[in-house]
Amino acid sequence: MHEYLDDDGYPTDHALDRIEHWPYTADPRGWFEFIRSIWNFGDWGWKEKTEPSDWKENSQVLRYYALYF
């Protein structure tokens, strides 16, 4: 079992604390990778997509989407 999930598959308080205190400005990709690793049904409801930047011409950005149906 994943150390950050309880017996029902939900994030533990430790996991939520780690998300809250993650140095995401220094490591945004790592922050999202950690969140996805504990995301229930990570293959559903989560999307990553490289798209043109809205702000920097001729540049690409990686966007994250949490999908709700």
PDB file of N, CA and C in Angstrom:
ATOM      1  N   MET A   1       0.847  -1.198   0.000  1.00  0.00           N
ATOM      2  CA  MET A   1       0.000   0.000   0.000  1.00  0.00           C
ATOM      3  C   MET A   1       0.877   1.240   0.000  1.00  0.00           C
ATOM      4  N   HIS A   2       0.410   2.241  -0.661  1.00  0.00           N
ATOM      5  CA  HIS A   2       1.114   3.517  -0.736  1.00  0.00           C
ATOM      6  C   HIS A   2       1.156   4.150   0.657  1.00  0.00           C
ATOM      7  N   GLU A   3       2.313   4.643   1.048  1.00  0.00           N
ATOM      8  CA  GLU A   3       2.468   5.175   2.406  1.00  0.00           C
ATOM      9  C   GLU A   3       1.647   6.440   2.670  1.00  0.00           C
ATOM     10  N   TYR A   4       1.178   7.092   1.631  1.00  0.00           N
ATOM     11  CA  TYR A   4       0.413   8.324   1.803  1.00  0.00           C
ATOM     12  C   TYR A   4      -1.092   8.127   1.650  1.00  0.00           C
ATOM     13  N   LEU A   5      -1.522   6.868   1.553  1.00  0.00           N
ATOM     14  CA  LEU A   5      -2.945   6.580   1.412  1.00  0.00           C
ATOM     15  C   LEU A   5      -3.419   5.734   2.582  1.00  0.00           C
ATOM     16  N   ASP A   6      -4.666   5.971   2.997  1.00  0.00           N
ATOM     17  CA  ASP A   6      -5.221   5.151   4.069  1.00  0.00           C
ATOM     18  C   ASP A   6      -5.757   3.841   3.488  1.00  0.00           C
ATOM     19  N   ASP A   7      -6.355   3.016   4.316  1.00  0.00           N
ATOM     20  CA  ASP A   7      -6.846   1.706   3.879  1.00  0.00           C
ATOM     21  C   ASP A   7      -7.939   1.791   2.819  1.00  0.00           C
ATOM     22  N   ASP A   8      -8.623   2.926   2.728  1.00  0.00           N
ATOM     23  CA  ASP A   8      -9.674   3.115   1.733  1.00  0.00           C
ATOM     24  C   ASP A   8      -9.169   3.802   0.467  1.00  0.00           C
ATOM     25  N   GLY A   9      -7.860   4.125   0.420  1.00  0.00           N
ATOM     26  CA  GLY A   9      -7.286   4.750  -0.764  1.00  0.00           C
ATOM     27  C   GLY A   9      -7.323   6.261  -0.777  1.00  0.00           C
ATOM     28  N   TYR A  10      -7.658   6.870   0.358  1.00  0.00           N
ATOM     29  CA  TYR A  10      -7.700   8.327   0.450  1.00  0.00           C
ATOM     30  C   TYR A  10      -6.390   8.865   1.007  1.00  0.00           C
ATOM     31  N   PRO A  11      -5.994  10.079   0.625  1.00  0.00           N
ATOM     32  CA  PRO A  11      -4.763  10.658   1.160  1.00  0.00           C
ATOM     33  C   PRO A  11      -4.829  10.806   2.678  1.00  0.00           C
ATOM     34  N   THR A  12      -3.711  10.493   3.319  1.00  0.00           N
ATOM     35  CA  THR A  12      -3.621  10.661   4.770  1.00  0.00           C
ATOM     36  C   THR A  12      -3.393  12.129   5.101  1.00  0.00           C
ATOM     37  N   ASP A  13      -3.532  12.463   6.361  1.00  0.00           N
ATOM     38  CA  ASP A  13      -3.239  13.827   6.796  1.00  0.00           C
ATOM     39  C   ASP A  13      -1.790  14.183   6.488  1.00  0.00           C
ATOM     40  N   HIS A  14      -0.892  13.196   6.601  1.00  0.00           N
ATOM     41  CA  HIS A  14       0.517  13.423   6.279  1.00  0.00           C
ATOM     42  C   HIS A  14       0.680  13.810   4.805  1.00  0.00           C
ATOM     43  N   ALA A  15      -0.044  13.136   3.922  1.00  0.00           N
ATOM     44  CA  ALA A  15       0.017  13.444   2.494  1.00  0.00           C
ATOM     45  C   ALA A  15      -0.500  14.847   2.223  1.00  0.00           C
ATOM     46  N   LEU A  16      -1.611  15.205   2.832  1.00  0.00           N
ATOM     47  CA  LEU A  16      -2.179  16.538   2.625  1.00  0.00           C
ATOM     48  C   LEU A  16      -1.264  17.616   3.173  1.00  0.00           C
ATOM     49  N   ASP A  17      -0.609  17.336   4.293  1.00  0.00           N
ATOM     50  CA  ASP A  17       0.352  18.277   4.855  1.00  0.00           C
ATOM     51  C   ASP A  17       1.541  18.449   3.913  1.00  0.00           C
ATOM     52  N   ARG A  18       1.970  17.352   3.326  1.00  0.00           N
ATOM     53  CA  ARG A  18       3.095  17.418   2.383  1.00  0.00           C
ATOM     54  C   ARG A  18       2.730  18.263   1.160  1.00  0.00           C
ATOM     55  N   ILE A  19       1.518  18.101   0.660  1.00  0.00           N
ATOM     56  CA  ILE A  19       1.058  18.918  -0.466  1.00  0.00           C
ATOM     57  C   ILE A  19       1.027  20.387  -0.073  1.00  0.00           C
ATOM     58  N   GLU A  20       0.488  20.667   1.092  1.00  0.00           N
ATOM     59  CA  GLU A  20       0.354  22.057   1.551  1.00  0.00           C
ATOM     60  C   GLU A  20       1.711  22.740   1.722  1.00  0.00           C
ATOM     61  N   HIS A  21       2.708  21.997   2.171  1.00  0.00           N
ATOM     62  CA  HIS A  21       4.007  22.601   2.476  1.00  0.00           C
ATOM     63  C   HIS A  21       5.083  22.336   1.419  1.00  0.00           C
ATOM     64  N   TRP A  22       4.691  21.764   0.300  1.00  0.00           N
ATOM     65  CA  TRP A  22       5.641  21.479  -0.774  1.00  0.00           C
ATOM     66  C   TRP A  22       6.208  22.787  -1.312  1.00  0.00           C
ATOM     67  N   PRO A  23       7.488  22.859  -1.589  1.00  0.00           N
ATOM     68  CA  PRO A  23       8.052  24.077  -2.185  1.00  0.00           C
ATOM     69  C   PRO A  23       7.733  24.150  -3.681  1.00  0.00           C
ATOM     70  N   TYR A  24       6.444  24.263  -3.991  1.00  0.00           N
ATOM     71  CA  TYR A  24       5.989  24.139  -5.374  1.00  0.00           C
ATOM     72  C   TYR A  24       6.502  25.239  -6.288  1.00  0.00           C
ATOM     73  N   THR A  25       6.900  26.390  -5.751  1.00  0.00           N
ATOM     74  CA  THR A  25       7.460  27.412  -6.643  1.00  0.00           C
ATOM     75  C   THR A  25       8.837  26.991  -7.142  1.00  0.00           C
ATOM     76  N   ALA A  26       9.551  26.173  -6.365  1.00  0.00           N
ATOM     77  CA  ALA A  26      10.862  25.672  -6.768  1.00  0.00           C
ATOM     78  C   ALA A  26      10.744  24.370  -7.553  1.00  0.00           C
ATOM     79  N   ASP A  27       9.667  23.615  -7.333  1.00  0.00           N
ATOM     80  CA  ASP A  27       9.515  22.297  -7.944  1.00  0.00           C
ATOM     81  C   ASP A  27       8.056  22.027  -8.319  1.00  0.00           C
ATOM     82  N   PRO A  28       7.497  22.811  -9.245  1.00  0.00           N
ATOM     83  CA  PRO A  28       6.080  22.610  -9.578  1.00  0.00           C
ATOM     84  C   PRO A  28       5.803  21.250 -10.203  1.00  0.00           C
ATOM     85  N   ARG A  29       6.682  20.764 -11.046  1.00  0.00           N
ATOM     86  CA  ARG A  29       6.445  19.468 -11.684  1.00  0.00           C
ATOM     87  C   ARG A  29       6.451  18.348 -10.639  1.00  0.00           C
ATOM     88  N   GLY A  30       7.389  18.391  -9.700  1.00  0.00           N
ATOM     89  CA  GLY A  30       7.440  17.389  -8.637  1.00  0.00           C
ATOM     90  C   GLY A  30       6.198  17.421  -7.772  1.00  0.00           C
ATOM     91  N   TRP A  31       5.685  18.640  -7.524  1.00  0.00           N
ATOM     92  CA  TRP A  31       4.455  18.813  -6.734  1.00  0.00           C
ATOM     93  C   TRP A  31       3.297  18.104  -7.417  1.00  0.00           C
ATOM     94  N   PHE A  32       3.146  18.348  -8.724  1.00  0.00           N
ATOM     95  CA  PHE A  32       2.060  17.699  -9.469  1.00  0.00           C
ATOM     96  C   PHE A  32       2.276  16.195  -9.574  1.00  0.00           C
ATOM     97  N   GLU A  33       3.508  15.750  -9.748  1.00  0.00           N
ATOM     98  CA  GLU A  33       3.776  14.314  -9.812  1.00  0.00           C
ATOM     99  C   GLU A  33       3.401  13.629  -8.495  1.00  0.00           C
ATOM    100  N   PHE A  34       3.706  14.290  -7.364  1.00  0.00           N
ATOM    101  CA  PHE A  34       3.322  13.710  -6.074  1.00  0.00           C
ATOM    102  C   PHE A  34       1.801  13.637  -5.948  1.00  0.00           C
ATOM    103  N   ILE A  35       1.121  14.712  -6.310  1.00  0.00           N
ATOM    104  CA  ILE A  35      -0.343  14.725  -6.229  1.00  0.00           C
ATOM    105  C   ILE A  35      -0.926  13.625  -7.102  1.00  0.00           C
ATOM    106  N   ARG A  36      -0.406  13.490  -8.314  1.00  0.00           N
ATOM    107  CA  ARG A  36      -0.934  12.439  -9.202  1.00  0.00           C
ATOM    108  C   ARG A  36      -0.674  11.050  -8.626  1.00  0.00           C
ATOM    109  N   SER A  37       0.451  10.872  -7.929  1.00  0.00           N
ATOM    110  CA  SER A  37       0.774   9.554  -7.391  1.00  0.00           C
ATOM    111  C   SER A  37      -0.222   9.091  -6.329  1.00  0.00           C
ATOM    112  N   ILE A  38      -0.914  10.036  -5.705  1.00  0.00           N
ATOM    113  CA  ILE A  38      -1.904   9.660  -4.691  1.00  0.00           C
ATOM    114  C   ILE A  38      -3.330   9.939  -5.153  1.00  0.00           C
ATOM    115  N   TRP A  39      -3.471  10.350  -6.409  1.00  0.00           N
ATOM    116  CA  TRP A  39      -4.789  10.649  -6.983  1.00  0.00           C
ATOM    117  C   TRP A  39      -5.541   9.341  -7.194  1.00  0.00           C
ATOM    118  N   ASN A  40      -6.729   9.242  -6.645  1.00  0.00           N
ATOM    119  CA  ASN A  40      -7.546   8.053  -6.826  1.00  0.00           C
ATOM    120  C   ASN A  40      -7.970   7.977  -8.290  1.00  0.00           C
ATOM    121  N   PHE A  41      -7.737   6.837  -8.921  1.00  0.00           N
ATOM    122  CA  PHE A  41      -8.008   6.659 -10.347  1.00  0.00           C
ATOM    123  C   PHE A  41      -7.232   7.673 -11.182  1.00  0.00           C
ATOM    124  N   GLY A  42      -5.912   7.698 -10.998  1.00  0.00           N
ATOM    125  CA  GLY A  42      -5.045   8.652 -11.680  1.00  0.00           C
ATOM    126  C   GLY A  42      -5.174   8.670 -13.186  1.00  0.00           C
ATOM    127  N   ASP A  43      -5.612   7.563 -13.783  1.00  0.00           N
ATOM    128  CA  ASP A  43      -5.789   7.534 -15.230  1.00  0.00           C
ATOM    129  C   ASP A  43      -7.096   8.182 -15.661  1.00  0.00           C
ATOM    130  N   TRP A  44      -7.943   8.483 -14.717  1.00  0.00           N
ATOM    131  CA  TRP A  44      -9.221   9.130 -15.004  1.00  0.00           C
ATOM    132  C   TRP A  44      -9.284  10.418 -14.193  1.00  0.00           C
ATOM    133  N   GLY A  45      -9.703  11.473 -14.809  1.00  0.00           N
ATOM    134  CA  GLY A  45      -9.871  12.723 -14.084  1.00  0.00           C
ATOM    135  C   GLY A  45      -8.611  13.553 -13.998  1.00  0.00           C
ATOM    136  N   TRP A  46      -7.576  13.151 -14.710  1.00  0.00           N
ATOM    137  CA  TRP A  46      -6.304  13.879 -14.679  1.00  0.00           C
ATOM    138  C   TRP A  46      -5.798  13.972 -16.104  1.00  0.00           C
ATOM    139  N   LYS A  47      -5.384  15.162 -16.504  1.00  0.00           N
ATOM    140  CA  LYS A  47      -4.880  15.337 -17.858  1.00  0.00           C
ATOM    141  C   LYS A  47      -3.697  16.296 -17.831  1.00  0.00           C
ATOM    142  N   GLU A  48      -2.663  15.950 -18.559  1.00  0.00           N
ATOM    143  CA  GLU A  48      -1.508  16.820 -18.767  1.00  0.00           C
ATOM    144  C   GLU A  48      -1.393  17.040 -20.265  1.00  0.00           C
ATOM    145  N   LYS A  49      -1.118  18.273 -20.647  1.00  0.00           N
ATOM    146  CA  LYS A  49      -1.067  18.558 -22.070  1.00  0.00           C
ATOM    147  C   LYS A  49      -0.071  19.686 -22.334  1.00  0.00           C
ATOM    148  N   THR A  50       0.809  19.486 -23.309  1.00  0.00           N
ATOM    149  CA  THR A  50       1.717  20.549 -23.742  1.00  0.00           C
ATOM    150  C   THR A  50       0.963  21.411 -24.739  1.00  0.00           C
ATOM    151  N   GLU A  51       0.946  22.707 -24.456  1.00  0.00           N
ATOM    152  CA  GLU A  51       0.190  23.652 -25.284  1.00  0.00           C
ATOM    153  C   GLU A  51       1.000  24.929 -25.475  1.00  0.00           C
ATOM    154  N   PRO A  52       0.627  25.721 -26.494  1.00  0.00           N
ATOM    155  CA  PRO A  52       1.312  27.006 -26.664  1.00  0.00           C
ATOM    156  C   PRO A  52       1.087  27.910 -25.444  1.00  0.00           C
ATOM    157  N   SER A  53       2.112  28.634 -25.077  1.00  0.00           N
ATOM    158  CA  SER A  53       2.018  29.570 -23.964  1.00  0.00           C
ATOM    159  C   SER A  53       1.093  30.731 -24.322  1.00  0.00           C
ATOM    160  N   ASP A  54       0.334  31.187 -23.346  1.00  0.00           N
ATOM    161  CA  ASP A  54      -0.518  32.358 -23.542  1.00  0.00           C
ATOM    162  C   ASP A  54       0.290  33.650 -23.435  1.00  0.00           C
ATOM    163  N   TRP A  55       1.473  33.567 -22.845  1.00  0.00           N
ATOM    164  CA  TRP A  55       2.231  34.774 -22.509  1.00  0.00           C
ATOM    165  C   TRP A  55       3.547  34.921 -23.254  1.00  0.00           C
ATOM    166  N   LYS A  56       4.168  33.816 -23.618  1.00  0.00           N
ATOM    167  CA  LYS A  56       5.476  33.886 -24.259  1.00  0.00           C
ATOM    168  C   LYS A  56       5.381  33.317 -25.666  1.00  0.00           C
ATOM    169  N   GLU A  57       5.604  34.163 -26.642  1.00  0.00           N
ATOM    170  CA  GLU A  57       5.477  33.784 -28.038  1.00  0.00           C
ATOM    171  C   GLU A  57       6.456  32.666 -28.395  1.00  0.00           C
ATOM    172  N   ASN A  58       5.995  31.734 -29.232  1.00  0.00           N
ATOM    173  CA  ASN A  58       6.805  30.604 -29.700  1.00  0.00           C
ATOM    174  C   ASN A  58       7.326  29.734 -28.556  1.00  0.00           C
ATOM    175  N   SER A  59       6.538  29.616 -27.504  1.00  0.00           N
ATOM    176  CA  SER A  59       6.929  28.827 -26.346  1.00  0.00           C
ATOM    177  C   SER A  59       5.809  27.856 -25.985  1.00  0.00           C
ATOM    178  N   GLN A  60       6.186  26.726 -25.411  1.00  0.00           N
ATOM    179  CA  GLN A  60       5.229  25.704 -24.985  1.00  0.00           C
ATOM    180  C   GLN A  60       5.205  25.634 -23.455  1.00  0.00           C
ATOM    181  N   VAL A  61       4.062  25.286 -22.906  1.00  0.00           N
ATOM    182  CA  VAL A  61       3.912  25.077 -21.471  1.00  0.00           C
ATOM    183  C   VAL A  61       3.223  23.740 -21.241  1.00  0.00           C
ATOM    184  N   LEU A  62       3.471  23.160 -20.084  1.00  0.00           N
ATOM    185  CA  LEU A  62       2.777  21.940 -19.693  1.00  0.00           C
ATOM    186  C   LEU A  62       1.625  22.355 -18.786  1.00  0.00           C
ATOM    187  N   ARG A  63       0.392  22.058 -19.220  1.00  0.00           N
ATOM    188  CA  ARG A  63      -0.786  22.402 -18.429  1.00  0.00           C
ATOM    189  C   ARG A  63      -1.360  21.148 -17.806  1.00  0.00           C
ATOM    190  N   TYR A  64      -1.861  21.313 -16.594  1.00  0.00           N
ATOM    191  CA  TYR A  64      -2.492  20.228 -15.853  1.00  0.00           C
ATOM    192  C   TYR A  64      -3.972  20.522 -15.733  1.00  0.00           C
ATOM    193  N   TYR A  65      -4.774  19.505 -15.915  1.00  0.00           N
ATOM    194  CA  TYR A  65      -6.220  19.643 -15.786  1.00  0.00           C
ATOM    195  C   TYR A  65      -6.744  18.549 -14.861  1.00  0.00           C
ATOM    196  N   ALA A  66      -7.626  18.927 -13.968  1.00  0.00           N
ATOM    197  CA  ALA A  66      -8.383  17.957 -13.181  1.00  0.00           C
ATOM    198  C   ALA A  66      -9.771  17.965 -13.798  1.00  0.00           C
ATOM    199  N   LEU A  67     -10.181  16.847 -14.336  1.00  0.00           N
ATOM    200  CA  LEU A  67     -11.442  16.771 -15.061  1.00  0.00           C
ATOM    201  C   LEU A  67     -12.549  16.290 -14.155  1.00  0.00           C
ATOM    202  N   TYR A  68     -13.669  16.945 -14.233  1.00  0.00           N
ATOM    203  CA  TYR A  68     -14.845  16.551 -13.475  1.00  0.00           C
ATOM    204  C   TYR A  68     -15.963  16.269 -14.459  1.00  0.00           C
ATOM    205  N   PHE A  69     -16.608  15.146 -14.288  1.00  0.00           N
ATOM    206  CA  PHE A  69     -17.703  14.774 -15.187  1.00  0.00           C
ATOM    207  C   PHE A  69     -18.994  14.720 -14.426  1.00  0.00           C
TER     208      PHE A  69
END
